[in-house]
Amino acid sequence: MLSFRKILCPTDFSDPSFRPLATADELARRYQAELHVLHVVLPVPLVGLPPGAGSVAFDVSNTRPTCSKAFRARLDETLAQFVKPDIPIHRYVEIGDPAHEMVQLADKIKPDVIVIATHGPHGT
């Protein structure tokens, strides 16, 4: 018999990523599973100055907690809209490459299934 204990569902807050959240919620209820929801924030690239133009140092280390807090709040809002709160939900907000962070989390939590959206039919 098919059974899931842990379900991973990444979201990027796009419309196509909301349907899998509802599906993951339904599966978690059906199998009494934990729902693990991941949002990955793409790092902001720092554009350097041309060679010989000097240098500017940016300390972005203090922006990580603020960024994480804002995206955690957005994740909570999204979950409140698409997932009923009476199942175990674990929230993750990471900064990095979405594919890499999803694989890292999957290696860590060992989900039985990953429920993920695809790009639209035209790669959007």
C-alpha atoms as a PDB file:
ATOM      1  CA  MET A   1       0.000   0.000   0.000  1.00  0.00           C
ATOM      2  CA  LEU A   2       1.229   3.483  -0.873  1.00  0.00           C
ATOM      3  CA  SER A   3       2.133   5.591   2.146  1.00  0.00           C
ATOM      4  CA  PHE A   4       3.867   8.921   2.677  1.00  0.00           C
ATOM      5  CA  ARG A   5       5.292  10.180   5.971  1.00  0.00           C
ATOM      6  CA  LYS A   6       7.100  13.273   4.697  1.00  0.00           C
ATOM      7  CA  ILE A   7       6.125  15.460   1.763  1.00  0.00           C
ATOM      8  CA  LEU A   8       8.342  18.220   0.374  1.00  0.00           C
ATOM      9  CA  CYS A   9       6.726  21.019  -1.616  1.00  0.00           C
ATOM     10  CA  PRO A  10       8.874  23.890  -2.895  1.00  0.00           C
ATOM     11  CA  THR A  11       7.165  27.141  -3.868  1.00  0.00           C
ATOM     12  CA  ASP A  12       8.352  30.295  -5.595  1.00  0.00           C
ATOM     13  CA  PHE A  13       5.107  32.197  -4.890  1.00  0.00           C
ATOM     14  CA  SER A  14       4.130  32.085  -8.568  1.00  0.00           C
ATOM     15  CA  ASP A  15       0.597  31.089  -9.546  1.00  0.00           C
ATOM     16  CA  PRO A  16       1.733  27.705 -10.959  1.00  0.00           C
ATOM     17  CA  SER A  17       3.377  26.845  -7.614  1.00  0.00           C
ATOM     18  CA  PHE A  18       0.145  27.237  -5.627  1.00  0.00           C
ATOM     19  CA  ARG A  19      -1.648  24.216  -7.100  1.00  0.00           C
ATOM     20  CA  PRO A  20       1.050  21.793  -5.842  1.00  0.00           C
ATOM     21  CA  LEU A  21       0.653  23.283  -2.348  1.00  0.00           C
ATOM     22  CA  ALA A  22      -3.009  22.300  -2.366  1.00  0.00           C
ATOM     23  CA  THR A  23      -2.094  18.846  -3.700  1.00  0.00           C
ATOM     24  CA  ALA A  24       0.607  18.430  -1.039  1.00  0.00           C
ATOM     25  CA  ASP A  25      -1.906  19.475   1.627  1.00  0.00           C
ATOM     26  CA  GLU A  26      -4.380  16.876   0.353  1.00  0.00           C
ATOM     27  CA  LEU A  27      -1.710  14.145   0.360  1.00  0.00           C
ATOM     28  CA  ALA A  28      -0.537  15.106   3.849  1.00  0.00           C
ATOM     29  CA  ARG A  29      -4.091  14.785   5.136  1.00  0.00           C
ATOM     30  CA  ARG A  30      -4.757  11.516   3.359  1.00  0.00           C
ATOM     31  CA  TYR A  31      -1.582   9.879   4.688  1.00  0.00           C
ATOM     32  CA  GLN A  32      -1.258  11.831   7.956  1.00  0.00           C
ATOM     33  CA  ALA A  33       2.134  13.030   6.771  1.00  0.00           C
ATOM     34  CA  GLU A  34       4.348  15.976   7.643  1.00  0.00           C
ATOM     35  CA  LEU A  35       4.383  18.752   5.071  1.00  0.00           C
ATOM     36  CA  HIS A  36       7.742  20.447   4.441  1.00  0.00           C
ATOM     37  CA  VAL A  37       7.458  23.665   2.423  1.00  0.00           C
ATOM     38  CA  LEU A  38      10.522  25.361   0.942  1.00  0.00           C
ATOM     39  CA  HIS A  39      10.984  28.797  -0.578  1.00  0.00           C
ATOM     40  CA  VAL A  40      14.369  29.740  -2.007  1.00  0.00           C
ATOM     41  CA  VAL A  41      15.374  33.358  -2.432  1.00  0.00           C
ATOM     42  CA  LEU A  42      17.746  33.978  -5.307  1.00  0.00           C
ATOM     43  CA  PRO A  43      20.865  35.826  -4.148  1.00  0.00           C
ATOM     44  CA  VAL A  44      21.221  39.375  -5.407  1.00  0.00           C
ATOM     45  CA  PRO A  45      24.260  39.544  -7.663  1.00  0.00           C
ATOM     46  CA  LEU A  46      26.656  42.347  -6.892  1.00  0.00           C
ATOM     47  CA  VAL A  47      27.816  44.021 -10.048  1.00  0.00           C
ATOM     48  CA  GLY A  48      31.450  44.958  -9.826  1.00  0.00           C
ATOM     49  CA  LEU A  49      33.158  48.014 -11.150  1.00  0.00           C
ATOM     50  CA  PRO A  50      35.307  47.797 -14.249  1.00  0.00           C
ATOM     51  CA  PRO A  51      38.969  46.946 -13.665  1.00  0.00           C
ATOM     52  CA  GLY A  52      40.968  49.962 -12.561  1.00  0.00           C
ATOM     53  CA  ALA A  53      37.914  51.915 -11.416  1.00  0.00           C
ATOM     54  CA  GLY A  54      38.562  51.277  -7.749  1.00  0.00           C
ATOM     55  CA  SER A  55      36.501  49.111  -5.501  1.00  0.00           C
ATOM     56  CA  VAL A  56      33.470  49.343  -3.319  1.00  0.00           C
ATOM     57  CA  ALA A  57      32.896  46.952  -0.447  1.00  0.00           C
ATOM     58  CA  PHE A  58      29.368  45.858   0.391  1.00  0.00           C
ATOM     59  CA  ASP A  59      28.548  44.130   3.640  1.00  0.00           C
ATOM     60  CA  VAL A  60      25.359  42.218   2.922  1.00  0.00           C
ATOM     61  CA  SER A  61      25.644  39.845   5.887  1.00  0.00           C
ATOM     62  CA  ASN A  62      23.193  41.892   7.947  1.00  0.00           C
ATOM     63  CA  THR A  63      20.505  41.726   5.239  1.00  0.00           C
ATOM     64  CA  ARG A  64      20.052  37.950   5.514  1.00  0.00           C
ATOM     65  CA  PRO A  65      17.949  37.973   8.729  1.00  0.00           C
ATOM     66  CA  THR A  66      15.698  40.754   7.415  1.00  0.00           C
ATOM     67  CA  CYS A  67      15.302  39.038   4.055  1.00  0.00           C
ATOM     68  CA  SER A  68      14.552  35.683   5.678  1.00  0.00           C
ATOM     69  CA  LYS A  69      12.003  37.256   8.015  1.00  0.00           C
ATOM     70  CA  ALA A  70      10.157  38.972   5.143  1.00  0.00           C
ATOM     71  CA  PHE A  71      10.035  35.825   3.018  1.00  0.00           C
ATOM     72  CA  ARG A  72       9.005  33.723   6.030  1.00  0.00           C
ATOM     73  CA  ALA A  73       6.062  36.081   6.522  1.00  0.00           C
ATOM     74  CA  ARG A  74       5.167  35.719   2.828  1.00  0.00           C
ATOM     75  CA  LEU A  75       5.436  31.938   3.151  1.00  0.00           C
ATOM     76  CA  ASP A  76       3.128  31.983   6.186  1.00  0.00           C
ATOM     77  CA  GLU A  77       0.579  34.066   4.239  1.00  0.00           C
ATOM     78  CA  THR A  78       0.735  31.653   1.313  1.00  0.00           C
ATOM     79  CA  LEU A  79       0.344  28.612   3.552  1.00  0.00           C
ATOM     80  CA  ALA A  80      -2.632  30.190   5.314  1.00  0.00           C
ATOM     81  CA  GLN A  81      -4.280  30.568   1.922  1.00  0.00           C
ATOM     82  CA  PHE A  82      -3.589  27.100   0.479  1.00  0.00           C
ATOM     83  CA  VAL A  83      -2.905  24.718   3.391  1.00  0.00           C
ATOM     84  CA  LYS A  84      -5.120  23.938   6.356  1.00  0.00           C
ATOM     85  CA  PRO A  85      -3.203  24.450   9.623  1.00  0.00           C
ATOM     86  CA  ASP A  86      -4.141  21.185  11.352  1.00  0.00           C
ATOM     87  CA  ILE A  87      -1.289  19.119   9.877  1.00  0.00           C
ATOM     88  CA  PRO A  88       2.393  19.268  10.837  1.00  0.00           C
ATOM     89  CA  ILE A  89       3.993  21.936   8.637  1.00  0.00           C
ATOM     90  CA  HIS A  90       7.715  22.672   8.515  1.00  0.00           C
ATOM     91  CA  ARG A  91       8.749  25.919   6.819  1.00  0.00           C
ATOM     92  CA  TYR A  92      12.117  26.606   5.219  1.00  0.00           C
ATOM     93  CA  VAL A  93      13.441  29.791   3.634  1.00  0.00           C
ATOM     94  CA  GLU A  94      16.883  29.515   2.076  1.00  0.00           C
ATOM     95  CA  ILE A  95      19.027  31.822  -0.028  1.00  0.00           C
ATOM     96  CA  GLY A  96      20.740  30.282  -3.036  1.00  0.00           C
ATOM     97  CA  ASP A  97      20.086  28.274  -6.170  1.00  0.00           C
ATOM     98  CA  PRO A  98      16.566  26.787  -5.948  1.00  0.00           C
ATOM     99  CA  ALA A  99      17.487  23.389  -7.426  1.00  0.00           C
ATOM    100  CA  HIS A 100      20.540  23.041  -5.196  1.00  0.00           C
ATOM    101  CA  GLU A 101      18.669  24.073  -2.043  1.00  0.00           C
ATOM    102  CA  MET A 102      15.806  21.686  -2.824  1.00  0.00           C
ATOM    103  CA  VAL A 103      18.225  18.771  -3.253  1.00  0.00           C
ATOM    104  CA  GLN A 104      20.057  19.753  -0.048  1.00  0.00           C
ATOM    105  CA  LEU A 105      16.809  19.799   1.927  1.00  0.00           C
ATOM    106  CA  ALA A 106      15.620  16.547   0.360  1.00  0.00           C
ATOM    107  CA  ASP A 107      18.916  14.898   1.356  1.00  0.00           C
ATOM    108  CA  LYS A 108      18.433  16.183   4.893  1.00  0.00           C
ATOM    109  CA  ILE A 109      14.763  15.365   5.540  1.00  0.00           C
ATOM    110  CA  LYS A 110      14.395  12.338   3.201  1.00  0.00           C
ATOM    111  CA  PRO A 111      10.862  13.017   1.914  1.00  0.00           C
ATOM    112  CA  ASP A 112       8.827  10.170   0.492  1.00  0.00           C
ATOM    113  CA  VAL A 113       7.577  12.424  -2.301  1.00  0.00           C
ATOM    114  CA  ILE A 114       8.288  15.890  -3.706  1.00  0.00           C
ATOM    115  CA  VAL A 115       5.265  17.759  -5.033  1.00  0.00           C
ATOM    116  CA  ILE A 116       6.475  20.463  -7.392  1.00  0.00           C
ATOM    117  CA  ALA A 117       5.090  22.672 -10.136  1.00  0.00           C
ATOM    118  CA  THR A 118       6.443  22.626 -13.634  1.00  0.00           C
ATOM    119  CA  HIS A 119       7.043  25.634 -15.783  1.00  0.00           C
ATOM    120  CA  GLY A 120       4.112  26.614 -17.927  1.00  0.00           C
ATOM    121  CA  PRO A 121       3.737  25.126 -21.404  1.00  0.00           C
ATOM    122  CA  HIS A 122       5.885  27.901 -22.843  1.00  0.00           C
ATOM    123  CA  GLY A 123       8.687  27.783 -20.247  1.00  0.00           C
ATOM    124  CA  THR A 124       7.201  30.569 -18.133  1.00  0.00           C
END
